[in-house]
Amino acid sequence: MVHVLFIRPDVAAVKVRQRVVTLDRRPIEGLSEGSPLFVMAKEEGRWLLVACQNTEVIDS
């Protein structure tokens, strides 16, 4: 997780960094890193994913 912004006590925007890895956690060559944004809402005590957007990160 990189950053969490609470829009309301029951709604949060969550920014993360992701990378596809093997079972022993080594990055898979040729696959780039991602930077998704999740919008989460707390309903009946559980945090649920209500919207998601993902952007591929390309090294220059």
PDB file of N, CA and C in Angstrom:
ATOM      1  N   MET A   1       0.854  -1.165   0.000  1.00  0.00           N
ATOM      2  CA  MET A   1       0.000   0.000   0.000  1.00  0.00           C
ATOM      3  C   MET A   1       0.902   1.231   0.000  1.00  0.00           C
ATOM      4  N   VAL A   2       0.529   2.225  -0.773  1.00  0.00           N
ATOM      5  CA  VAL A   2       1.296   3.458  -0.859  1.00  0.00           C
ATOM      6  C   VAL A   2       0.602   4.588  -0.105  1.00  0.00           C
ATOM      7  N   HIS A   3      -0.720   4.713  -0.283  1.00  0.00           N
ATOM      8  CA  HIS A   3      -1.430   5.841   0.323  1.00  0.00           C
ATOM      9  C   HIS A   3      -2.915   5.498   0.487  1.00  0.00           C
ATOM     10  N   VAL A   4      -3.495   5.945   1.596  1.00  0.00           N
ATOM     11  CA  VAL A   4      -4.931   5.806   1.833  1.00  0.00           C
ATOM     12  C   VAL A   4      -5.505   7.186   2.119  1.00  0.00           C
ATOM     13  N   LEU A   5      -6.567   7.543   1.401  1.00  0.00           N
ATOM     14  CA  LEU A   5      -7.272   8.800   1.635  1.00  0.00           C
ATOM     15  C   LEU A   5      -8.695   8.451   2.051  1.00  0.00           C
ATOM     16  N   PHE A   6      -9.061   8.792   3.292  1.00  0.00           N
ATOM     17  CA  PHE A   6     -10.426   8.550   3.751  1.00  0.00           C
ATOM     18  C   PHE A   6     -11.300   9.699   3.271  1.00  0.00           C
ATOM     19  N   ILE A   7     -12.190   9.399   2.350  1.00  0.00           N
ATOM     20  CA  ILE A   7     -13.121  10.384   1.811  1.00  0.00           C
ATOM     21  C   ILE A   7     -14.222  10.651   2.840  1.00  0.00           C
ATOM     22  N   ARG A   8     -14.648   9.591   3.479  1.00  0.00           N
ATOM     23  CA  ARG A   8     -15.552   9.608   4.633  1.00  0.00           C
ATOM     24  C   ARG A   8     -15.064   8.475   5.531  1.00  0.00           C
ATOM     25  N   PRO A   9     -15.559   8.361   6.755  1.00  0.00           N
ATOM     26  CA  PRO A   9     -15.100   7.254   7.613  1.00  0.00           C
ATOM     27  C   PRO A   9     -15.370   5.868   7.019  1.00  0.00           C
ATOM     28  N   ASP A  10     -16.331   5.779   6.096  1.00  0.00           N
ATOM     29  CA  ASP A  10     -16.680   4.482   5.518  1.00  0.00           C
ATOM     30  C   ASP A  10     -16.324   4.369   4.030  1.00  0.00           C
ATOM     31  N   VAL A  11     -15.571   5.325   3.507  1.00  0.00           N
ATOM     32  CA  VAL A  11     -15.157   5.300   2.097  1.00  0.00           C
ATOM     33  C   VAL A  11     -13.694   5.728   2.019  1.00  0.00           C
ATOM     34  N   ALA A  12     -12.867   4.928   1.321  1.00  0.00           N
ATOM     35  CA  ALA A  12     -11.449   5.248   1.211  1.00  0.00           C
ATOM     36  C   ALA A  12     -10.960   5.020  -0.213  1.00  0.00           C
ATOM     37  N   ALA A  13     -10.042   5.877  -0.645  1.00  0.00           N
ATOM     38  CA  ALA A  13      -9.316   5.685  -1.897  1.00  0.00           C
ATOM     39  C   ALA A  13      -7.948   5.121  -1.509  1.00  0.00           C
ATOM     40  N   VAL A  14      -7.589   3.977  -2.082  1.00  0.00           N
ATOM     41  CA  VAL A  14      -6.361   3.277  -1.704  1.00  0.00           C
ATOM     42  C   VAL A  14      -5.464   3.149  -2.928  1.00  0.00           C
ATOM     43  N   LYS A  15      -4.285   3.736  -2.868  1.00  0.00           N
ATOM     44  CA  LYS A  15      -3.309   3.687  -3.955  1.00  0.00           C
ATOM     45  C   LYS A  15      -2.245   2.661  -3.586  1.00  0.00           C
ATOM     46  N   VAL A  16      -1.951   1.740  -4.486  1.00  0.00           N
ATOM     47  CA  VAL A  16      -0.954   0.696  -4.222  1.00  0.00           C
ATOM     48  C   VAL A  16       0.032   0.604  -5.384  1.00  0.00           C
ATOM     49  N   ARG A  17       1.121  -0.117  -5.159  1.00  0.00           N
ATOM     50  CA  ARG A  17       2.059  -0.495  -6.218  1.00  0.00           C
ATOM     51  C   ARG A  17       2.008  -2.015  -6.282  1.00  0.00           C
ATOM     52  N   GLN A  18       2.003  -2.559  -7.484  1.00  0.00           N
ATOM     53  CA  GLN A  18       1.920  -4.016  -7.615  1.00  0.00           C
ATOM     54  C   GLN A  18       2.925  -4.507  -8.637  1.00  0.00           C
ATOM     55  N   ARG A  19       3.345  -5.732  -8.453  1.00  0.00           N
ATOM     56  CA  ARG A  19       4.259  -6.382  -9.377  1.00  0.00           C
ATOM     57  C   ARG A  19       3.920  -7.865  -9.382  1.00  0.00           C
ATOM     58  N   VAL A  20       3.873  -8.459 -10.565  1.00  0.00           N
ATOM     59  CA  VAL A  20       3.611  -9.890 -10.682  1.00  0.00           C
ATOM     60  C   VAL A  20       4.886 -10.626 -10.293  1.00  0.00           C
ATOM     61  N   VAL A  21       4.761 -11.599  -9.384  1.00  0.00           N
ATOM     62  CA  VAL A  21       5.918 -12.349  -8.900  1.00  0.00           C
ATOM     63  C   VAL A  21       5.642 -13.851  -8.951  1.00  0.00           C
ATOM     64  N   THR A  22       6.716 -14.627  -8.837  1.00  0.00           N
ATOM     65  CA  THR A  22       6.600 -16.080  -8.760  1.00  0.00           C
ATOM     66  C   THR A  22       6.162 -16.468  -7.350  1.00  0.00           C
ATOM     67  N   LEU A  23       5.914 -17.751  -7.128  1.00  0.00           N
ATOM     68  CA  LEU A  23       5.512 -18.217  -5.797  1.00  0.00           C
ATOM     69  C   LEU A  23       6.572 -17.928  -4.745  1.00  0.00           C
ATOM     70  N   ASP A  24       7.850 -17.856  -5.145  1.00  0.00           N
ATOM     71  CA  ASP A  24       8.904 -17.520  -4.184  1.00  0.00           C
ATOM     72  C   ASP A  24       9.242 -16.027  -4.201  1.00  0.00           C
ATOM     73  N   ARG A  25       8.298 -15.223  -4.710  1.00  0.00           N
ATOM     74  CA  ARG A  25       8.322 -13.755  -4.652  1.00  0.00           C
ATOM     75  C   ARG A  25       9.383 -13.086  -5.520  1.00  0.00           C
ATOM     76  N   ARG A  26       9.850 -13.773  -6.557  1.00  0.00           N
ATOM     77  CA  ARG A  26      10.781 -13.129  -7.489  1.00  0.00           C
ATOM     78  C   ARG A  26       9.982 -12.473  -8.609  1.00  0.00           C
ATOM     79  N   PRO A  27      10.311 -11.209  -8.973  1.00  0.00           N
ATOM     80  CA  PRO A  27       9.608 -10.541 -10.078  1.00  0.00           C
ATOM     81  C   PRO A  27       9.748 -11.331 -11.377  1.00  0.00           C
ATOM     82  N   ILE A  28       8.687 -11.358 -12.151  1.00  0.00           N
ATOM     83  CA  ILE A  28       8.697 -12.052 -13.433  1.00  0.00           C
ATOM     84  C   ILE A  28       9.217 -11.082 -14.488  1.00  0.00           C
ATOM     85  N   GLU A  29      10.308 -11.473 -15.135  1.00  0.00           N
ATOM     86  CA  GLU A  29      10.925 -10.635 -16.160  1.00  0.00           C
ATOM     87  C   GLU A  29       9.942 -10.341 -17.288  1.00  0.00           C
ATOM     88  N   GLY A  30       9.996  -9.133 -17.796  1.00  0.00           N
ATOM     89  CA  GLY A  30       9.169  -8.752 -18.932  1.00  0.00           C
ATOM     90  C   GLY A  30       7.803  -8.202 -18.558  1.00  0.00           C
ATOM     91  N   LEU A  31       7.414  -8.328 -17.294  1.00  0.00           N
ATOM     92  CA  LEU A  31       6.131  -7.778 -16.851  1.00  0.00           C
ATOM     93  C   LEU A  31       6.403  -6.522 -16.040  1.00  0.00           C
ATOM     94  N   SER A  32       5.721  -5.448 -16.387  1.00  0.00           N
ATOM     95  CA  SER A  32       5.975  -4.178 -15.710  1.00  0.00           C
ATOM     96  C   SER A  32       5.160  -4.053 -14.428  1.00  0.00           C
ATOM     97  N   GLU A  33       5.493  -3.030 -13.668  1.00  0.00           N
ATOM     98  CA  GLU A  33       4.821  -2.738 -12.410  1.00  0.00           C
ATOM     99  C   GLU A  33       3.497  -2.027 -12.681  1.00  0.00           C
ATOM    100  N   GLY A  34       2.538  -2.201 -11.789  1.00  0.00           N
ATOM    101  CA  GLY A  34       1.253  -1.519 -11.904  1.00  0.00           C
ATOM    102  C   GLY A  34       1.047  -0.569 -10.740  1.00  0.00           C
ATOM    103  N   SER A  35       0.090   0.344 -10.903  1.00  0.00           N
ATOM    104  CA  SER A  35      -0.215   1.313  -9.857  1.00  0.00           C
ATOM    105  C   SER A  35      -1.729   1.503  -9.764  1.00  0.00           C
ATOM    106  N   PRO A  36      -2.441   0.484  -9.246  1.00  0.00           N
ATOM    107  CA  PRO A  36      -3.895   0.597  -9.179  1.00  0.00           C
ATOM    108  C   PRO A  36      -4.384   1.539  -8.080  1.00  0.00           C
ATOM    109  N   LEU A  37      -5.585   2.041  -8.309  1.00  0.00           N
ATOM    110  CA  LEU A  37      -6.310   2.840  -7.324  1.00  0.00           C
ATOM    111  C   LEU A  37      -7.602   2.098  -7.021  1.00  0.00           C
ATOM    112  N   PHE A  38      -7.831   1.792  -5.754  1.00  0.00           N
ATOM    113  CA  PHE A  38      -9.040   1.104  -5.330  1.00  0.00           C
ATOM    114  C   PHE A  38      -9.917   2.071  -4.548  1.00  0.00           C
ATOM    115  N   VAL A  39     -11.204   2.059  -4.805  1.00  0.00           N
ATOM    116  CA  VAL A  39     -12.167   2.775  -3.971  1.00  0.00           C
ATOM    117  C   VAL A  39     -12.877   1.715  -3.142  1.00  0.00           C
ATOM    118  N   MET A  40     -12.751   1.845  -1.833  1.00  0.00           N
ATOM    119  CA  MET A  40     -13.299   0.863  -0.905  1.00  0.00           C
ATOM    120  C   MET A  40     -14.421   1.503  -0.082  1.00  0.00           C
ATOM    121  N   ALA A  41     -15.436   0.713   0.232  1.00  0.00           N
ATOM    122  CA  ALA A  41     -16.537   1.190   1.078  1.00  0.00           C
ATOM    123  C   ALA A  41     -16.784   0.169   2.182  1.00  0.00           C
ATOM    124  N   LYS A  42     -16.994   0.656   3.386  1.00  0.00           N
ATOM    125  CA  LYS A  42     -17.272  -0.222   4.516  1.00  0.00           C
ATOM    126  C   LYS A  42     -18.776  -0.423   4.611  1.00  0.00           C
ATOM    127  N   GLU A  43     -19.200  -1.681   4.475  1.00  0.00           N
ATOM    128  CA  GLU A  43     -20.616  -2.031   4.550  1.00  0.00           C
ATOM    129  C   GLU A  43     -20.783  -3.202   5.500  1.00  0.00           C
ATOM    130  N   GLU A  44     -21.611  -3.021   6.490  1.00  0.00           N
ATOM    131  CA  GLU A  44     -21.885  -4.048   7.496  1.00  0.00           C
ATOM    132  C   GLU A  44     -20.597  -4.575   8.123  1.00  0.00           C
ATOM    133  N   GLY A  45     -19.654  -3.643   8.402  1.00  0.00           N
ATOM    134  CA  GLY A  45     -18.422  -4.005   9.085  1.00  0.00           C
ATOM    135  C   GLY A  45     -17.318  -4.552   8.205  1.00  0.00           C
ATOM    136  N   ARG A  46     -17.558  -4.694   6.901  1.00  0.00           N
ATOM    137  CA  ARG A  46     -16.553  -5.237   5.975  1.00  0.00           C
ATOM    138  C   ARG A  46     -16.176  -4.200   4.933  1.00  0.00           C
ATOM    139  N   TRP A  47     -14.886  -4.120   4.597  1.00  0.00           N
ATOM    140  CA  TRP A  47     -14.434  -3.236   3.534  1.00  0.00           C
ATOM    141  C   TRP A  47     -14.586  -3.954   2.205  1.00  0.00           C
ATOM    142  N   LEU A  48     -15.318  -3.333   1.277  1.00  0.00           N
ATOM    143  CA  LEU A  48     -15.579  -3.923  -0.032  1.00  0.00           C
ATOM    144  C   LEU A  48     -15.000  -3.044  -1.130  1.00  0.00           C
ATOM    145  N   LEU A  49     -14.499  -3.668  -2.178  1.00  0.00           N
ATOM    146  CA  LEU A  49     -14.005  -2.953  -3.343  1.00  0.00           C
ATOM    147  C   LEU A  49     -15.203  -2.531  -4.184  1.00  0.00           C
ATOM    148  N   VAL A  50     -15.338  -1.221  -4.414  1.00  0.00           N
ATOM    149  CA  VAL A  50     -16.488  -0.741  -5.185  1.00  0.00           C
ATOM    150  C   VAL A  50     -16.084  -0.185  -6.547  1.00  0.00           C
ATOM    151  N   ALA A  51     -14.800   0.178  -6.718  1.00  0.00           N
ATOM    152  CA  ALA A  51     -14.298   0.640  -8.020  1.00  0.00           C
ATOM    153  C   ALA A  51     -12.792   0.461  -8.044  1.00  0.00           C
ATOM    154  N   CYS A  52     -12.262   0.215  -9.244  1.00  0.00           N
ATOM    155  CA  CYS A  52     -10.827   0.000  -9.388  1.00  0.00           C
ATOM    156  C   CYS A  52     -10.364   0.555 -10.729  1.00  0.00           C
ATOM    157  N   GLN A  53      -9.161   1.117 -10.729  1.00  0.00           N
ATOM    158  CA  GLN A  53      -8.524   1.587 -11.958  1.00  0.00           C
ATOM    159  C   GLN A  53      -7.059   1.217 -11.845  1.00  0.00           C
ATOM    160  N   ASN A  54      -6.469   0.655 -12.930  1.00  0.00           N
ATOM    161  CA  ASN A  54      -5.085   0.227 -12.889  1.00  0.00           C
ATOM    162  C   ASN A  54      -4.324   0.828 -14.062  1.00  0.00           C
ATOM    163  N   THR A  55      -3.138   1.332 -13.776  1.00  0.00           N
ATOM    164  CA  THR A  55      -2.284   1.925 -14.792  1.00  0.00           C
ATOM    165  C   THR A  55      -0.964   1.187 -14.837  1.00  0.00           C
ATOM    166  N   GLU A  56      -0.563   0.753 -16.014  1.00  0.00           N
ATOM    167  CA  GLU A  56       0.721   0.090 -16.172  1.00  0.00           C
ATOM    168  C   GLU A  56       1.839   1.124 -16.048  1.00  0.00           C
ATOM    169  N   VAL A  57       2.871   0.777 -15.283  1.00  0.00           N
ATOM    170  CA  VAL A  57       4.020   1.655 -15.119  1.00  0.00           C
ATOM    171  C   VAL A  57       5.120   1.158 -16.052  1.00  0.00           C
ATOM    172  N   ILE A  58       5.539   2.024 -16.984  1.00  0.00           N
ATOM    173  CA  ILE A  58       6.565   1.645 -17.954  1.00  0.00           C
ATOM    174  C   ILE A  58       7.830   2.436 -17.644  1.00  0.00           C
ATOM    175  N   ASP A  59       8.921   1.706 -17.406  1.00  0.00           N
ATOM    176  CA  ASP A  59      10.200   2.376 -17.173  1.00  0.00           C
ATOM    177  C   ASP A  59      10.695   2.989 -18.469  1.00  0.00           C
ATOM    178  N   SER A  60      11.250   4.213 -18.366  1.00  0.00           N
ATOM    179  CA  SER A  60      11.754   4.864 -19.578  1.00  0.00           C
ATOM    180  C   SER A  60      13.243   4.702 -19.715  1.00  0.00           C
TER     181      SER A  60
END
